[in-house]
Amino acid sequence: MIAERPKLAPYVERMQEKLANALIAPASAVSVKAKTNEGMGFIGRGEGVAVIAVATLNQPDAPRLSGGLAGADLL
């Protein structure tokens, strides 16, 4: 999450726990990071926030691939 305010550090652990509960996953499997925009743009002026979400999903008991995935591996 990118925001100038409020400062999110006091809330990160609780956010992580709530996301983990929603995903039915252990809290250790969820990471929440908070950054500021160093005063730049609408975020830096405190007019908004931005959130970037990335999810990596694994099917239980699925074979793990070593290395990266090629485009054909996703089809």
PDB file of N, CA and C in Angstrom:
ATOM      1  N   MET A   1       0.854  -1.154   0.000  1.00  0.00           N
ATOM      2  CA  MET A   1       0.000   0.000   0.000  1.00  0.00           C
ATOM      3  C   MET A   1       0.902   1.219   0.000  1.00  0.00           C
ATOM      4  N   ILE A   2       0.550   2.214  -0.773  1.00  0.00           N
ATOM      5  CA  ILE A   2       1.337   3.443  -0.864  1.00  0.00           C
ATOM      6  C   ILE A   2       0.443   4.587  -0.400  1.00  0.00           C
ATOM      7  N   ALA A   3       0.838   5.240   0.675  1.00  0.00           N
ATOM      8  CA  ALA A   3       0.061   6.349   1.239  1.00  0.00           C
ATOM      9  C   ALA A   3       0.977   7.221   2.081  1.00  0.00           C
ATOM     10  N   GLU A   4       0.725   8.512   2.089  1.00  0.00           N
ATOM     11  CA  GLU A   4       1.473   9.419   2.956  1.00  0.00           C
ATOM     12  C   GLU A   4       0.945   9.343   4.385  1.00  0.00           C
ATOM     13  N   ARG A   5      -0.363   9.230   4.491  1.00  0.00           N
ATOM     14  CA  ARG A   5      -0.983   9.116   5.803  1.00  0.00           C
ATOM     15  C   ARG A   5      -2.307   8.390   5.643  1.00  0.00           C
ATOM     16  N   PRO A   6      -2.768   7.702   6.627  1.00  0.00           N
ATOM     17  CA  PRO A   6      -2.168   7.551   7.953  1.00  0.00           C
ATOM     18  C   PRO A   6      -0.943   6.652   7.878  1.00  0.00           C
ATOM     19  N   LYS A   7      -0.109   6.728   8.864  1.00  0.00           N
ATOM     20  CA  LYS A   7       1.027   5.825   8.959  1.00  0.00           C
ATOM     21  C   LYS A   7       0.460   4.437   9.223  1.00  0.00           C
ATOM     22  N   LEU A   8       0.850   3.473   8.411  1.00  0.00           N
ATOM     23  CA  LEU A   8       0.228   2.153   8.464  1.00  0.00           C
ATOM     24  C   LEU A   8       0.987   1.135   9.303  1.00  0.00           C
ATOM     25  N   ALA A   9       2.200   1.451   9.707  1.00  0.00           N
ATOM     26  CA  ALA A   9       2.999   0.485  10.470  1.00  0.00           C
ATOM     27  C   ALA A   9       2.244  -0.115  11.655  1.00  0.00           C
ATOM     28  N   PRO A  10       1.480   0.679  12.424  1.00  0.00           N
ATOM     29  CA  PRO A  10       0.772   0.075  13.558  1.00  0.00           C
ATOM     30  C   PRO A  10      -0.327  -0.910  13.141  1.00  0.00           C
ATOM     31  N   TYR A  11      -0.740  -0.900  11.884  1.00  0.00           N
ATOM     32  CA  TYR A  11      -1.854  -1.721  11.422  1.00  0.00           C
ATOM     33  C   TYR A  11      -1.440  -2.908  10.558  1.00  0.00           C
ATOM     34  N   VAL A  12      -0.174  -2.974  10.154  1.00  0.00           N
ATOM     35  CA  VAL A  12       0.268  -3.977   9.185  1.00  0.00           C
ATOM     36  C   VAL A  12       0.013  -5.397   9.686  1.00  0.00           C
ATOM     37  N   GLU A  13       0.331  -5.690  10.926  1.00  0.00           N
ATOM     38  CA  GLU A  13       0.139  -7.042  11.442  1.00  0.00           C
ATOM     39  C   GLU A  13      -1.345  -7.435  11.432  1.00  0.00           C
ATOM     40  N   ARG A  14      -2.197  -6.531  11.833  1.00  0.00           N
ATOM     41  CA  ARG A  14      -3.641  -6.820  11.838  1.00  0.00           C
ATOM     42  C   ARG A  14      -4.162  -7.001  10.406  1.00  0.00           C
ATOM     43  N   MET A  15      -3.679  -6.179   9.474  1.00  0.00           N
ATOM     44  CA  MET A  15      -4.069  -6.325   8.075  1.00  0.00           C
ATOM     45  C   MET A  15      -3.646  -7.695   7.544  1.00  0.00           C
ATOM     46  N   GLN A  16      -2.438  -8.110   7.890  1.00  0.00           N
ATOM     47  CA  GLN A  16      -1.910  -9.398   7.464  1.00  0.00           C
ATOM     48  C   GLN A  16      -2.779 -10.531   8.010  1.00  0.00           C
ATOM     49  N   GLU A  17      -3.167 -10.452   9.282  1.00  0.00           N
ATOM     50  CA  GLU A  17      -4.005 -11.485   9.888  1.00  0.00           C
ATOM     51  C   GLU A  17      -5.376 -11.547   9.218  1.00  0.00           C
ATOM     52  N   LYS A  18      -5.974 -10.393   8.941  1.00  0.00           N
ATOM     53  CA  LYS A  18      -7.300 -10.370   8.318  1.00  0.00           C
ATOM     54  C   LYS A  18      -7.248 -10.926   6.893  1.00  0.00           C
ATOM     55  N   LEU A  19      -6.210 -10.577   6.145  1.00  0.00           N
ATOM     56  CA  LEU A  19      -6.064 -11.130   4.796  1.00  0.00           C
ATOM     57  C   LEU A  19      -5.870 -12.641   4.853  1.00  0.00           C
ATOM     58  N   ALA A  20      -5.051 -13.105   5.782  1.00  0.00           N
ATOM     59  CA  ALA A  20      -4.817 -14.539   5.925  1.00  0.00           C
ATOM     60  C   ALA A  20      -6.116 -15.267   6.255  1.00  0.00           C
ATOM     61  N   ASN A  21      -6.915 -14.702   7.146  1.00  0.00           N
ATOM     62  CA  ASN A  21      -8.198 -15.316   7.485  1.00  0.00           C
ATOM     63  C   ASN A  21      -9.108 -15.380   6.264  1.00  0.00           C
ATOM     64  N   ALA A  22      -9.146 -14.329   5.483  1.00  0.00           N
ATOM     65  CA  ALA A  22      -9.995 -14.295   4.285  1.00  0.00           C
ATOM     66  C   ALA A  22      -9.532 -15.315   3.251  1.00  0.00           C
ATOM     67  N   LEU A  23      -8.239 -15.567   3.206  1.00  0.00           N
ATOM     68  CA  LEU A  23      -7.670 -16.499   2.235  1.00  0.00           C
ATOM     69  C   LEU A  23      -7.584 -17.925   2.771  1.00  0.00           C
ATOM     70  N   ILE A  24      -7.978 -18.108   4.028  1.00  0.00           N
ATOM     71  CA  ILE A  24      -7.847 -19.397   4.704  1.00  0.00           C
ATOM     72  C   ILE A  24      -6.399 -19.882   4.577  1.00  0.00           C
ATOM     73  N   ALA A  25      -5.491 -19.027   4.998  1.00  0.00           N
ATOM     74  CA  ALA A  25      -4.059 -19.302   4.909  1.00  0.00           C
ATOM     75  C   ALA A  25      -3.402 -18.861   6.209  1.00  0.00           C
ATOM     76  N   PRO A  26      -2.231 -19.398   6.507  1.00  0.00           N
ATOM     77  CA  PRO A  26      -1.525 -18.933   7.693  1.00  0.00           C
ATOM     78  C   PRO A  26      -1.032 -17.499   7.492  1.00  0.00           C
ATOM     79  N   ALA A  27      -0.983 -16.737   8.570  1.00  0.00           N
ATOM     80  CA  ALA A  27      -0.521 -15.354   8.480  1.00  0.00           C
ATOM     81  C   ALA A  27       0.895 -15.275   7.917  1.00  0.00           C
ATOM     82  N   SER A  28       1.698 -16.307   8.143  1.00  0.00           N
ATOM     83  CA  SER A  28       3.067 -16.318   7.620  1.00  0.00           C
ATOM     84  C   SER A  28       3.107 -16.393   6.094  1.00  0.00           C
ATOM     85  N   ALA A  29       1.979 -16.745   5.466  1.00  0.00           N
ATOM     86  CA  ALA A  29       1.916 -16.844   4.002  1.00  0.00           C
ATOM     87  C   ALA A  29       1.495 -15.528   3.357  1.00  0.00           C
ATOM     88  N   VAL A  30       1.218 -14.510   4.178  1.00  0.00           N
ATOM     89  CA  VAL A  30       0.740 -13.224   3.677  1.00  0.00           C
ATOM     90  C   VAL A  30       1.739 -12.144   4.077  1.00  0.00           C
ATOM     91  N   SER A  31       2.058 -11.265   3.153  1.00  0.00           N
ATOM     92  CA  SER A  31       2.964 -10.159   3.436  1.00  0.00           C
ATOM     93  C   SER A  31       2.272  -8.853   3.094  1.00  0.00           C
ATOM     94  N   VAL A  32       2.351  -7.897   3.998  1.00  0.00           N
ATOM     95  CA  VAL A  32       1.789  -6.566   3.771  1.00  0.00           C
ATOM     96  C   VAL A  32       2.924  -5.563   3.924  1.00  0.00           C
ATOM     97  N   LYS A  33       3.095  -4.731   2.931  1.00  0.00           N
ATOM     98  CA  LYS A  33       4.135  -3.704   2.963  1.00  0.00           C
ATOM     99  C   LYS A  33       3.465  -2.342   2.834  1.00  0.00           C
ATOM    100  N   ALA A  34       4.013  -1.358   3.519  1.00  0.00           N
ATOM    101  CA  ALA A  34       3.489   0.006   3.447  1.00  0.00           C
ATOM    102  C   ALA A  34       4.636   0.955   3.106  1.00  0.00           C
ATOM    103  N   LYS A  35       4.388   1.827   2.160  1.00  0.00           N
ATOM    104  CA  LYS A  35       5.393   2.808   1.718  1.00  0.00           C
ATOM    105  C   LYS A  35       4.731   4.171   1.571  1.00  0.00           C
ATOM    106  N   THR A  36       5.560   5.215   1.540  1.00  0.00           N
ATOM    107  CA  THR A  36       5.060   6.548   1.214  1.00  0.00           C
ATOM    108  C   THR A  36       5.473   6.850  -0.224  1.00  0.00           C
ATOM    109  N   ASN A  37       4.942   7.928  -0.776  1.00  0.00           N
ATOM    110  CA  ASN A  37       5.302   8.335  -2.125  1.00  0.00           C
ATOM    111  C   ASN A  37       6.237   9.534  -2.096  1.00  0.00           C
ATOM    112  N   GLU A  38       6.863   9.748  -0.940  1.00  0.00           N
ATOM    113  CA  GLU A  38       7.872  10.800  -0.775  1.00  0.00           C
ATOM    114  C   GLU A  38       7.376  12.166  -1.212  1.00  0.00           C
ATOM    115  N   GLY A  39       6.103  12.448  -0.971  1.00  0.00           N
ATOM    116  CA  GLY A  39       5.551  13.770  -1.259  1.00  0.00           C
ATOM    117  C   GLY A  39       5.251  14.033  -2.716  1.00  0.00           C
ATOM    118  N   MET A  40       5.360  13.025  -3.571  1.00  0.00           N
ATOM    119  CA  MET A  40       5.168  13.236  -5.004  1.00  0.00           C
ATOM    120  C   MET A  40       3.763  12.844  -5.453  1.00  0.00           C
ATOM    121  N   GLY A  41       3.199  13.608  -6.368  1.00  0.00           N
ATOM    122  CA  GLY A  41       1.918  13.298  -6.987  1.00  0.00           C
ATOM    123  C   GLY A  41       0.743  13.387  -6.038  1.00  0.00           C
ATOM    124  N   PHE A  42      -0.414  12.890  -6.504  1.00  0.00           N
ATOM    125  CA  PHE A  42      -1.630  12.978  -5.686  1.00  0.00           C
ATOM    126  C   PHE A  42      -1.499  12.174  -4.407  1.00  0.00           C
ATOM    127  N   ILE A  43      -0.733  11.085  -4.442  1.00  0.00           N
ATOM    128  CA  ILE A  43      -0.522  10.302  -3.230  1.00  0.00           C
ATOM    129  C   ILE A  43       0.312  11.101  -2.239  1.00  0.00           C
ATOM    130  N   GLY A  44       1.362  11.712  -2.719  1.00  0.00           N
ATOM    131  CA  GLY A  44       2.233  12.509  -1.865  1.00  0.00           C
ATOM    132  C   GLY A  44       1.545  13.724  -1.265  1.00  0.00           C
ATOM    133  N   ARG A  45       0.560  14.247  -1.987  1.00  0.00           N
ATOM    134  CA  ARG A  45      -0.198  15.385  -1.460  1.00  0.00           C
ATOM    135  C   ARG A  45      -1.288  14.935  -0.486  1.00  0.00           C
ATOM    136  N   GLY A  46      -1.434  13.630  -0.285  1.00  0.00           N
ATOM    137  CA  GLY A  46      -2.438  13.108   0.625  1.00  0.00           C
ATOM    138  C   GLY A  46      -3.833  13.072   0.029  1.00  0.00           C
ATOM    139  N   GLU A  47      -3.928  13.106  -1.295  1.00  0.00           N
ATOM    140  CA  GLU A  47      -5.233  13.121  -1.967  1.00  0.00           C
ATOM    141  C   GLU A  47      -5.731  11.725  -2.313  1.00  0.00           C
ATOM    142  N   GLY A  48      -4.926  10.726  -2.083  1.00  0.00           N
ATOM    143  CA  GLY A  48      -5.339   9.359  -2.396  1.00  0.00           C
ATOM    144  C   GLY A  48      -4.289   8.365  -1.970  1.00  0.00           C
ATOM    145  N   VAL A  49      -4.573   7.115  -2.197  1.00  0.00           N
ATOM    146  CA  VAL A  49      -3.645   6.027  -1.897  1.00  0.00           C
ATOM    147  C   VAL A  49      -3.588   5.099  -3.092  1.00  0.00           C
ATOM    148  N   ALA A  50      -2.587   4.243  -3.129  1.00  0.00           N
ATOM    149  CA  ALA A  50      -2.477   3.219  -4.169  1.00  0.00           C
ATOM    150  C   ALA A  50      -2.190   1.889  -3.496  1.00  0.00           C
ATOM    151  N   VAL A  51      -2.676   0.839  -4.108  1.00  0.00           N
ATOM    152  CA  VAL A  51      -2.440  -0.508  -3.596  1.00  0.00           C
ATOM    153  C   VAL A  51      -2.000  -1.379  -4.762  1.00  0.00           C
ATOM    154  N   ILE A  52      -0.953  -2.125  -4.556  1.00  0.00           N
ATOM    155  CA  ILE A  52      -0.474  -3.079  -5.545  1.00  0.00           C
ATOM    156  C   ILE A  52      -0.587  -4.455  -4.899  1.00  0.00           C
ATOM    157  N   ALA A  53      -1.319  -5.342  -5.523  1.00  0.00           N
ATOM    158  CA  ALA A  53      -1.509  -6.682  -4.968  1.00  0.00           C
ATOM    159  C   ALA A  53      -0.923  -7.721  -5.911  1.00  0.00           C
ATOM    160  N   VAL A  54      -0.185  -8.643  -5.346  1.00  0.00           N
ATOM    161  CA  VAL A  54       0.391  -9.745  -6.104  1.00  0.00           C
ATOM    162  C   VAL A  54       0.024 -11.027  -5.370  1.00  0.00           C
ATOM    163  N   ALA A  55      -0.458 -12.007  -6.099  1.00  0.00           N
ATOM    164  CA  ALA A  55      -0.819 -13.285  -5.496  1.00  0.00           C
ATOM    165  C   ALA A  55      -0.106 -14.414  -6.222  1.00  0.00           C
ATOM    166  N   THR A  56       0.472 -15.316  -5.456  1.00  0.00           N
ATOM    167  CA  THR A  56       1.056 -16.531  -5.992  1.00  0.00           C
ATOM    168  C   THR A  56       0.249 -17.686  -5.437  1.00  0.00           C
ATOM    169  N   LEU A  57      -0.348 -18.460  -6.314  1.00  0.00           N
ATOM    170  CA  LEU A  57      -1.212 -19.556  -5.896  1.00  0.00           C
ATOM    171  C   LEU A  57      -0.574 -20.886  -6.243  1.00  0.00           C
ATOM    172  N   ASN A  58      -0.663 -21.808  -5.331  1.00  0.00           N
ATOM    173  CA  ASN A  58      -0.173 -23.159  -5.568  1.00  0.00           C
ATOM    174  C   ASN A  58      -1.303 -24.141  -5.342  1.00  0.00           C
ATOM    175  N   GLN A  59      -1.471 -25.069  -6.266  1.00  0.00           N
ATOM    176  CA  GLN A  59      -2.461 -26.112  -6.095  1.00  0.00           C
ATOM    177  C   GLN A  59      -1.866 -27.163  -5.166  1.00  0.00           C
ATOM    178  N   PRO A  60      -2.612 -27.573  -4.124  1.00  0.00           N
ATOM    179  CA  PRO A  60      -2.080 -28.606  -3.225  1.00  0.00           C
ATOM    180  C   PRO A  60      -1.678 -29.850  -4.007  1.00  0.00           C
ATOM    181  N   ASP A  61      -0.569 -30.427  -3.639  1.00  0.00           N
ATOM    182  CA  ASP A  61      -0.060 -31.662  -4.231  1.00  0.00           C
ATOM    183  C   ASP A  61       0.304 -31.536  -5.710  1.00  0.00           C
ATOM    184  N   ALA A  62       0.400 -30.307  -6.218  1.00  0.00           N
ATOM    185  CA  ALA A  62       0.813 -30.123  -7.609  1.00  0.00           C
ATOM    186  C   ALA A  62       2.338 -30.179  -7.679  1.00  0.00           C
ATOM    187  N   PRO A  63       2.879 -30.751  -8.733  1.00  0.00           N
ATOM    188  CA  PRO A  63       4.345 -30.785  -8.862  1.00  0.00           C
ATOM    189  C   PRO A  63       4.892 -29.367  -8.991  1.00  0.00           C
ATOM    190  N   ARG A  64       5.993 -29.107  -8.338  1.00  0.00           N
ATOM    191  CA  ARG A  64       6.633 -27.799  -8.391  1.00  0.00           C
ATOM    192  C   ARG A  64       7.542 -27.739  -9.616  1.00  0.00           C
ATOM    193  N   LEU A  65       7.517 -26.625 -10.308  1.00  0.00           N
ATOM    194  CA  LEU A  65       8.388 -26.432 -11.462  1.00  0.00           C
ATOM    195  C   LEU A  65       9.643 -25.733 -11.007  1.00  0.00           C
ATOM    196  N   SER A  66      10.789 -26.193 -11.439  1.00  0.00           N
ATOM    197  CA  SER A  66      12.023 -25.490 -11.109  1.00  0.00           C
ATOM    198  C   SER A  66      12.247 -24.414 -12.156  1.00  0.00           C
ATOM    199  N   GLY A  67      12.814 -23.320 -11.744  1.00  0.00           N
ATOM    200  CA  GLY A  67      13.039 -22.213 -12.654  1.00  0.00           C
ATOM    201  C   GLY A  67      11.749 -21.442 -12.911  1.00  0.00           C
ATOM    202  N   GLY A  68      11.729 -20.643 -13.940  1.00  0.00           N
ATOM    203  CA  GLY A  68      10.563 -19.835 -14.253  1.00  0.00           C
ATOM    204  C   GLY A  68       9.592 -20.559 -15.180  1.00  0.00           C
ATOM    205  N   LEU A  69       8.465 -19.951 -15.388  1.00  0.00           N
ATOM    206  CA  LEU A  69       7.477 -20.493 -16.300  1.00  0.00           C
ATOM    207  C   LEU A  69       7.644 -19.840 -17.668  1.00  0.00           C
ATOM    208  N   ALA A  70       7.596 -20.612 -18.710  1.00  0.00           N
ATOM    209  CA  ALA A  70       7.576 -20.065 -20.061  1.00  0.00           C
ATOM    210  C   ALA A  70       6.122 -19.835 -20.436  1.00  0.00           C
ATOM    211  N   GLY A  71       5.887 -18.992 -21.417  1.00  0.00           N
ATOM    212  CA  GLY A  71       4.529 -18.685 -21.835  1.00  0.00           C
ATOM    213  C   GLY A  71       3.729 -19.938 -22.169  1.00  0.00           C
ATOM    214  N   ALA A  72       4.348 -20.909 -22.811  1.00  0.00           N
ATOM    215  CA  ALA A  72       3.648 -22.144 -23.181  1.00  0.00           C
ATOM    216  C   ALA A  72       3.253 -22.947 -21.953  1.00  0.00           C
ATOM    217  N   ASP A  73       3.986 -22.806 -20.853  1.00  0.00           N
ATOM    218  CA  ASP A  73       3.663 -23.538 -19.626  1.00  0.00           C
ATOM    219  C   ASP A  73       2.354 -23.060 -19.010  1.00  0.00           C
ATOM    220  N   LEU A  74       1.916 -21.872 -19.391  1.00  0.00           N
ATOM    221  CA  LEU A  74       0.717 -21.311 -18.797  1.00  0.00           C
ATOM    222  C   LEU A  74      -0.542 -21.704 -19.564  1.00  0.00           C
ATOM    223  N   LEU A  75      -0.384 -22.303 -20.732  1.00  0.00           N
ATOM    224  CA  LEU A  75      -1.545 -22.671 -21.550  1.00  0.00           C
ATOM    225  C   LEU A  75      -2.098 -24.012 -21.164  1.00  0.00           C
TER     226      LEU A  75
END
